[in-house]
N, C-alpha and C. Protein backbone atom coordinates (compact mmCIF):
# COMPACT_ATOMS: atom_id res chain seq x y z
N UNK A 1 105.26 142.79 5.45
CA UNK A 1 104.39 141.72 5.89
C UNK A 1 103.57 142.23 7.07
N UNK A 2 102.28 142.00 7.02
CA UNK A 2 101.37 142.46 8.07
C UNK A 2 101.45 141.52 9.27
N UNK A 3 101.31 142.09 10.49
CA UNK A 3 101.35 141.23 11.68
C UNK A 3 100.12 140.31 11.72
N UNK A 4 100.30 139.21 12.36
CA UNK A 4 99.22 138.24 12.53
C UNK A 4 98.10 138.88 13.35
N UNK A 5 96.85 138.82 12.88
CA UNK A 5 95.75 139.44 13.64
C UNK A 5 95.59 138.86 15.04
N UNK A 6 95.90 137.58 15.23
CA UNK A 6 95.78 136.99 16.56
C UNK A 6 96.83 137.53 17.51
N UNK A 7 97.99 137.92 16.98
CA UNK A 7 99.02 138.50 17.83
C UNK A 7 98.58 139.88 18.33
N UNK A 8 97.81 140.59 17.51
CA UNK A 8 97.32 141.90 17.90
C UNK A 8 96.12 141.81 18.83
N UNK A 9 95.34 140.79 18.69
CA UNK A 9 94.11 140.64 19.46
C UNK A 9 94.04 139.24 20.09
N UNK A 10 94.85 139.01 21.13
CA UNK A 10 94.86 137.67 21.72
C UNK A 10 93.50 137.26 22.30
N UNK A 11 92.65 138.25 22.62
CA UNK A 11 91.33 137.90 23.13
C UNK A 11 90.49 137.18 22.09
N UNK A 12 90.89 137.27 20.83
CA UNK A 12 90.18 136.54 19.78
C UNK A 12 90.31 135.03 20.00
N UNK A 13 91.35 134.61 20.70
CA UNK A 13 91.55 133.19 21.01
C UNK A 13 90.70 132.71 22.18
N UNK A 14 90.17 133.64 22.95
CA UNK A 14 89.49 133.30 24.20
C UNK A 14 88.42 132.21 24.06
N UNK A 15 87.47 132.32 23.13
CA UNK A 15 86.42 131.28 23.08
C UNK A 15 86.97 129.88 22.83
N UNK A 16 87.95 129.77 21.96
CA UNK A 16 88.51 128.45 21.66
C UNK A 16 89.32 127.90 22.83
N UNK A 17 90.14 128.74 23.44
CA UNK A 17 90.97 128.30 24.57
C UNK A 17 90.08 127.95 25.76
N UNK A 18 89.04 128.74 25.98
CA UNK A 18 88.12 128.45 27.08
C UNK A 18 87.41 127.12 26.83
N UNK A 19 87.01 126.86 25.60
CA UNK A 19 86.35 125.60 25.27
C UNK A 19 87.28 124.41 25.54
N UNK A 20 88.55 124.56 25.18
CA UNK A 20 89.53 123.49 25.45
C UNK A 20 89.68 123.31 26.96
N UNK A 21 89.77 124.41 27.69
CA UNK A 21 89.97 124.35 29.14
C UNK A 21 88.77 123.69 29.83
N UNK A 22 87.57 124.09 29.46
CA UNK A 22 86.36 123.53 30.07
C UNK A 22 86.23 122.05 29.73
N UNK A 23 86.50 121.70 28.48
CA UNK A 23 86.42 120.29 28.07
C UNK A 23 87.46 119.46 28.81
N UNK A 24 88.68 119.97 28.91
CA UNK A 24 89.73 119.24 29.62
C UNK A 24 89.39 119.11 31.11
N UNK A 25 88.80 120.14 31.70
CA UNK A 25 88.40 120.06 33.11
C UNK A 25 87.33 118.99 33.30
N UNK A 26 86.36 118.95 32.41
CA UNK A 26 85.31 117.93 32.51
C UNK A 26 85.90 116.53 32.32
N UNK A 27 86.80 116.39 31.37
CA UNK A 27 87.45 115.09 31.15
C UNK A 27 88.29 114.68 32.35
N UNK A 28 89.02 115.62 32.90
CA UNK A 28 89.89 115.34 34.05
C UNK A 28 89.07 114.89 35.25
N UNK A 29 88.02 115.64 35.57
CA UNK A 29 87.18 115.29 36.70
C UNK A 29 86.48 113.96 36.52
N UNK A 30 85.97 113.72 35.31
CA UNK A 30 85.28 112.47 35.02
C UNK A 30 86.22 111.28 35.11
N UNK A 31 87.41 111.43 34.53
CA UNK A 31 88.37 110.33 34.56
C UNK A 31 88.86 110.07 35.98
N UNK A 32 89.04 111.14 36.75
CA UNK A 32 89.43 110.96 38.15
C UNK A 32 88.34 110.20 38.91
N UNK A 33 87.09 110.58 38.70
CA UNK A 33 85.98 109.89 39.36
C UNK A 33 85.97 108.41 38.99
N UNK A 34 86.12 108.11 37.70
CA UNK A 34 86.13 106.71 37.25
C UNK A 34 87.29 105.93 37.87
N UNK A 35 88.47 106.55 37.88
CA UNK A 35 89.62 105.87 38.48
C UNK A 35 89.42 105.67 39.98
N UNK A 36 88.87 106.68 40.65
CA UNK A 36 88.64 106.58 42.08
C UNK A 36 87.64 105.50 42.44
N UNK A 37 86.56 105.42 41.66
CA UNK A 37 85.58 104.36 41.90
C UNK A 37 86.18 102.99 41.63
N UNK A 38 86.98 102.89 40.58
CA UNK A 38 87.63 101.62 40.26
C UNK A 38 88.60 101.21 41.36
N UNK A 39 89.31 102.16 41.94
CA UNK A 39 90.21 101.85 43.06
C UNK A 39 89.39 101.31 44.23
N UNK A 40 88.24 101.91 44.48
CA UNK A 40 87.39 101.43 45.57
C UNK A 40 86.91 100.00 45.31
N UNK A 41 86.75 99.65 44.04
CA UNK A 41 86.33 98.30 43.68
C UNK A 41 87.52 97.35 43.53
N UNK A 42 88.70 97.85 43.88
CA UNK A 42 89.95 97.08 43.85
C UNK A 42 90.39 96.65 42.45
N UNK A 43 90.04 97.47 41.48
CA UNK A 43 90.49 97.19 40.11
C UNK A 43 91.96 97.59 39.99
N UNK A 44 92.64 96.98 39.06
CA UNK A 44 94.07 97.27 38.86
C UNK A 44 94.30 98.32 37.77
N UNK A 45 93.35 98.46 36.84
CA UNK A 45 93.59 99.33 35.69
C UNK A 45 93.85 100.80 36.04
N UNK A 46 93.32 101.35 37.16
CA UNK A 46 93.61 102.77 37.43
C UNK A 46 95.10 103.06 37.65
N UNK A 47 95.87 102.03 38.03
CA UNK A 47 97.29 102.21 38.28
C UNK A 47 98.15 101.80 37.09
N UNK A 48 97.53 101.26 36.07
CA UNK A 48 98.27 100.83 34.88
C UNK A 48 98.76 102.05 34.10
N UNK A 49 99.84 101.86 33.39
CA UNK A 49 100.47 102.97 32.66
C UNK A 49 99.51 103.70 31.71
N UNK A 50 98.71 103.01 30.91
CA UNK A 50 97.82 103.75 30.00
C UNK A 50 96.87 104.71 30.73
N UNK A 51 96.31 104.28 31.86
CA UNK A 51 95.40 105.15 32.62
C UNK A 51 96.16 106.34 33.20
N UNK A 52 97.33 106.08 33.74
CA UNK A 52 98.13 107.18 34.30
C UNK A 52 98.54 108.17 33.21
N UNK A 53 99.00 107.66 32.08
CA UNK A 53 99.45 108.55 31.00
C UNK A 53 98.30 109.35 30.40
N UNK A 54 97.14 108.73 30.28
CA UNK A 54 95.98 109.47 29.79
C UNK A 54 95.65 110.61 30.75
N UNK A 55 95.72 110.33 32.03
CA UNK A 55 95.48 111.36 33.04
C UNK A 55 96.50 112.49 32.90
N UNK A 56 97.77 112.15 32.68
CA UNK A 56 98.80 113.18 32.52
C UNK A 56 98.53 114.04 31.30
N UNK A 57 98.13 113.41 30.20
CA UNK A 57 97.86 114.16 28.97
C UNK A 57 96.69 115.13 29.17
N UNK A 58 95.60 114.62 29.76
CA UNK A 58 94.43 115.47 29.99
C UNK A 58 94.79 116.63 30.92
N UNK A 59 95.48 116.33 32.01
CA UNK A 59 95.81 117.38 32.98
C UNK A 59 96.82 118.38 32.43
N UNK A 60 97.72 117.93 31.57
CA UNK A 60 98.66 118.86 30.93
C UNK A 60 97.91 119.80 29.99
N UNK A 61 96.98 119.25 29.22
CA UNK A 61 96.15 120.08 28.34
C UNK A 61 95.35 121.10 29.15
N UNK A 62 94.80 120.65 30.27
CA UNK A 62 94.05 121.54 31.16
C UNK A 62 94.94 122.66 31.68
N UNK A 63 96.13 122.32 32.11
CA UNK A 63 97.07 123.32 32.63
C UNK A 63 97.50 124.31 31.55
N UNK A 64 97.84 123.82 30.37
CA UNK A 64 98.27 124.71 29.29
C UNK A 64 97.15 125.66 28.90
N UNK A 65 95.93 125.14 28.79
CA UNK A 65 94.80 126.01 28.44
C UNK A 65 94.55 127.03 29.55
N UNK A 66 94.68 126.61 30.80
CA UNK A 66 94.49 127.54 31.91
C UNK A 66 95.53 128.65 31.94
N UNK A 67 96.77 128.29 31.73
CA UNK A 67 97.84 129.31 31.68
C UNK A 67 97.62 130.25 30.49
N UNK A 68 97.21 129.69 29.37
CA UNK A 68 96.93 130.52 28.20
C UNK A 68 95.81 131.51 28.50
N UNK A 69 94.74 131.04 29.13
CA UNK A 69 93.65 131.95 29.49
C UNK A 69 94.15 133.05 30.42
N UNK A 70 94.96 132.69 31.39
CA UNK A 70 95.48 133.68 32.34
C UNK A 70 96.35 134.73 31.66
N UNK A 71 97.01 134.35 30.57
CA UNK A 71 97.88 135.32 29.88
C UNK A 71 97.12 136.20 28.90
N UNK A 72 95.99 135.72 28.37
CA UNK A 72 95.28 136.54 27.38
C UNK A 72 94.17 137.38 27.98
N UNK A 73 93.73 137.05 29.18
CA UNK A 73 92.66 137.84 29.80
C UNK A 73 93.24 139.10 30.45
N UNK A 74 92.43 140.15 30.51
CA UNK A 74 92.90 141.39 31.17
C UNK A 74 93.16 141.14 32.66
N UNK A 75 94.17 141.78 33.18
CA UNK A 75 94.56 141.61 34.59
C UNK A 75 93.40 141.94 35.53
N UNK A 76 92.55 142.89 35.15
CA UNK A 76 91.43 143.28 36.01
C UNK A 76 90.48 142.11 36.25
N UNK A 77 90.50 141.14 35.38
CA UNK A 77 89.65 139.96 35.51
C UNK A 77 89.94 139.20 36.80
N UNK A 78 91.15 139.31 37.31
CA UNK A 78 91.57 138.54 38.47
C UNK A 78 91.69 139.41 39.73
N UNK A 79 91.16 140.61 39.68
CA UNK A 79 91.36 141.59 40.75
C UNK A 79 90.83 141.14 42.10
N UNK A 80 89.77 140.35 42.14
CA UNK A 80 89.21 139.95 43.44
C UNK A 80 89.88 138.72 44.04
N UNK A 81 90.88 138.18 43.36
CA UNK A 81 91.65 137.07 43.91
C UNK A 81 91.09 135.69 43.65
N UNK A 82 90.06 135.57 42.82
CA UNK A 82 89.44 134.26 42.59
C UNK A 82 90.43 133.26 42.00
N UNK A 83 91.31 133.72 41.11
CA UNK A 83 92.25 132.79 40.48
C UNK A 83 93.24 132.24 41.50
N UNK A 84 93.72 133.09 42.39
CA UNK A 84 94.65 132.63 43.43
C UNK A 84 93.99 131.61 44.34
N UNK A 85 92.75 131.87 44.72
CA UNK A 85 92.02 130.92 45.57
C UNK A 85 91.81 129.61 44.82
N UNK A 86 91.45 129.71 43.55
CA UNK A 86 91.25 128.50 42.74
C UNK A 86 92.53 127.67 42.69
N UNK A 87 93.68 128.31 42.51
CA UNK A 87 94.95 127.59 42.42
C UNK A 87 95.32 126.92 43.74
N UNK A 88 94.97 127.55 44.86
CA UNK A 88 95.20 126.91 46.16
C UNK A 88 94.38 125.63 46.25
N UNK A 89 93.13 125.72 45.83
CA UNK A 89 92.27 124.52 45.88
C UNK A 89 92.69 123.47 44.85
N UNK A 90 93.30 123.88 43.75
CA UNK A 90 93.85 122.90 42.81
C UNK A 90 94.94 122.08 43.50
N UNK A 91 95.79 122.74 44.28
CA UNK A 91 96.83 122.03 45.02
C UNK A 91 96.21 121.06 46.03
N UNK A 92 95.17 121.51 46.73
CA UNK A 92 94.47 120.64 47.69
C UNK A 92 93.88 119.44 46.96
N UNK A 93 93.27 119.68 45.81
CA UNK A 93 92.67 118.62 44.99
C UNK A 93 93.72 117.59 44.57
N UNK A 94 94.87 118.05 44.17
CA UNK A 94 95.94 117.14 43.74
C UNK A 94 96.39 116.26 44.91
N UNK A 95 96.59 116.86 46.07
CA UNK A 95 97.04 116.09 47.24
C UNK A 95 95.97 115.07 47.63
N UNK A 96 94.73 115.52 47.76
CA UNK A 96 93.65 114.59 48.11
C UNK A 96 93.49 113.49 47.06
N UNK A 97 93.64 113.87 45.80
CA UNK A 97 93.52 112.91 44.71
C UNK A 97 94.59 111.83 44.76
N UNK A 98 95.81 112.22 45.05
CA UNK A 98 96.87 111.20 45.12
C UNK A 98 96.64 110.25 46.29
N UNK A 99 96.12 110.78 47.39
CA UNK A 99 95.80 109.90 48.52
C UNK A 99 94.58 109.05 48.20
N UNK A 100 93.63 109.60 47.48
CA UNK A 100 92.43 108.86 47.13
C UNK A 100 92.68 107.73 46.15
N UNK A 101 93.65 107.90 45.28
CA UNK A 101 93.95 106.87 44.29
C UNK A 101 95.01 105.89 44.75
N UNK A 102 95.95 106.35 45.58
CA UNK A 102 97.11 105.50 45.82
C UNK A 102 97.68 105.58 47.23
N UNK A 103 97.89 106.75 47.74
CA UNK A 103 98.74 106.92 48.91
C UNK A 103 98.09 106.60 50.26
N UNK A 104 96.77 106.74 50.37
CA UNK A 104 96.13 106.41 51.65
C UNK A 104 96.33 104.91 51.93
N UNK A 105 96.56 104.58 53.19
CA UNK A 105 96.92 103.20 53.51
C UNK A 105 95.72 102.26 53.62
N UNK A 106 94.53 102.81 53.84
CA UNK A 106 93.35 101.95 53.96
C UNK A 106 92.33 102.29 52.88
N UNK A 107 91.44 101.37 52.63
CA UNK A 107 90.38 101.61 51.65
C UNK A 107 89.47 102.75 52.12
N UNK A 108 89.17 102.78 53.42
CA UNK A 108 88.34 103.86 53.96
C UNK A 108 89.03 105.21 53.80
N UNK A 109 90.33 105.24 54.04
CA UNK A 109 91.10 106.47 53.85
C UNK A 109 91.07 106.92 52.41
N UNK A 110 91.20 105.97 51.50
CA UNK A 110 91.13 106.30 50.08
C UNK A 110 89.75 106.87 49.73
N UNK A 111 88.71 106.28 50.30
CA UNK A 111 87.35 106.76 50.02
C UNK A 111 87.15 108.17 50.55
N UNK A 112 87.60 108.42 51.77
CA UNK A 112 87.47 109.77 52.33
C UNK A 112 88.24 110.79 51.50
N UNK A 113 89.43 110.45 51.07
CA UNK A 113 90.22 111.36 50.23
C UNK A 113 89.58 111.55 48.86
N UNK A 114 88.99 110.48 48.32
CA UNK A 114 88.29 110.58 47.04
C UNK A 114 87.12 111.54 47.16
N UNK A 115 86.32 111.39 48.20
CA UNK A 115 85.18 112.28 48.43
C UNK A 115 85.66 113.71 48.62
N UNK A 116 86.72 113.89 49.41
CA UNK A 116 87.27 115.23 49.62
C UNK A 116 87.78 115.85 48.33
N UNK A 117 88.45 115.04 47.49
CA UNK A 117 88.96 115.54 46.22
C UNK A 117 87.82 115.92 45.29
N UNK A 118 86.77 115.12 45.25
CA UNK A 118 85.63 115.44 44.39
C UNK A 118 84.91 116.70 44.87
N UNK A 119 84.78 116.86 46.17
CA UNK A 119 84.18 118.08 46.71
C UNK A 119 85.05 119.30 46.39
N UNK A 120 86.35 119.12 46.48
CA UNK A 120 87.27 120.21 46.14
C UNK A 120 87.19 120.54 44.66
N UNK A 121 87.08 119.52 43.82
CA UNK A 121 86.92 119.74 42.37
C UNK A 121 85.65 120.56 42.11
N UNK A 122 84.55 120.21 42.78
CA UNK A 122 83.31 120.96 42.61
C UNK A 122 83.49 122.41 43.05
N UNK A 123 84.22 122.63 44.13
CA UNK A 123 84.49 123.98 44.60
C UNK A 123 85.31 124.75 43.58
N UNK A 124 86.31 124.11 43.01
CA UNK A 124 87.14 124.75 41.98
C UNK A 124 86.27 125.18 40.80
N UNK A 125 85.37 124.32 40.39
CA UNK A 125 84.49 124.65 39.26
C UNK A 125 83.60 125.85 39.60
N UNK A 126 83.04 125.87 40.80
CA UNK A 126 82.16 127.00 41.15
C UNK A 126 82.95 128.30 41.27
N UNK A 127 84.17 128.23 41.74
CA UNK A 127 85.01 129.43 41.80
C UNK A 127 85.29 129.93 40.39
N UNK A 128 85.59 129.01 39.48
CA UNK A 128 85.89 129.38 38.09
C UNK A 128 84.67 129.97 37.39
N UNK A 129 83.52 129.36 37.59
CA UNK A 129 82.30 129.83 36.91
C UNK A 129 81.85 131.18 37.47
N UNK A 130 81.92 131.33 38.78
CA UNK A 130 81.45 132.58 39.41
C UNK A 130 82.48 133.70 39.35
N UNK A 131 83.73 133.35 39.06
CA UNK A 131 84.84 134.32 39.12
C UNK A 131 84.85 135.04 40.47
N UNK A 132 84.56 134.26 41.50
CA UNK A 132 84.54 134.79 42.86
C UNK A 132 85.29 133.82 43.76
N UNK A 133 86.11 134.33 44.68
CA UNK A 133 86.80 133.46 45.62
C UNK A 133 85.83 132.76 46.58
N UNK A 134 84.59 133.21 46.62
CA UNK A 134 83.60 132.61 47.49
C UNK A 134 82.96 131.36 46.88
N UNK A 135 83.21 131.12 45.61
CA UNK A 135 82.66 129.95 44.95
C UNK A 135 81.16 129.90 45.02
N UNK A 136 80.59 128.82 45.58
CA UNK A 136 79.13 128.69 45.61
C UNK A 136 78.45 129.74 46.48
N UNK A 137 79.17 130.29 47.43
CA UNK A 137 78.59 131.34 48.28
C UNK A 137 78.33 132.63 47.48
N UNK A 138 79.01 132.79 46.36
CA UNK A 138 78.81 133.98 45.55
C UNK A 138 77.36 134.06 45.06
N UNK A 139 76.78 132.89 44.75
CA UNK A 139 75.37 132.88 44.29
C UNK A 139 74.40 133.05 45.45
N UNK A 140 74.74 132.50 46.60
CA UNK A 140 73.88 132.60 47.76
C UNK A 140 73.82 134.04 48.27
N UNK A 141 74.93 134.75 48.19
CA UNK A 141 75.02 136.10 48.76
C UNK A 141 74.53 137.19 47.80
N UNK A 142 74.05 136.83 46.64
CA UNK A 142 73.55 137.85 45.69
C UNK A 142 72.25 138.43 46.12
């Protein structure tokens, strides 16, 4: 029996996995923005189980696709440290996001955390697109 061609050439999966990752990132950011705006408007649905579970599903898909990309790409792709910097900002985004949606004690605090989380999300995207730990500065410094 011949080996599976995808097992021999995992990079063949790259376009599909990247498409899933990018789509999940866009869905995650958009849904977070919608939930954050709804929290600011004092809606209850962002805290309801269906909204939370949908967020978990999207973010799990995003994480699985991201880990898959990290395992199939050549190690040299991450040599400048952009992935490590991106992951640090993902942690910052998660913390700010939880405060923006729920944990901050005031509406103003929630708004500030929401804005901070959205700015961090934008930074994560620019780091990912540029493959540079400098994110948006990578384009400015060219």
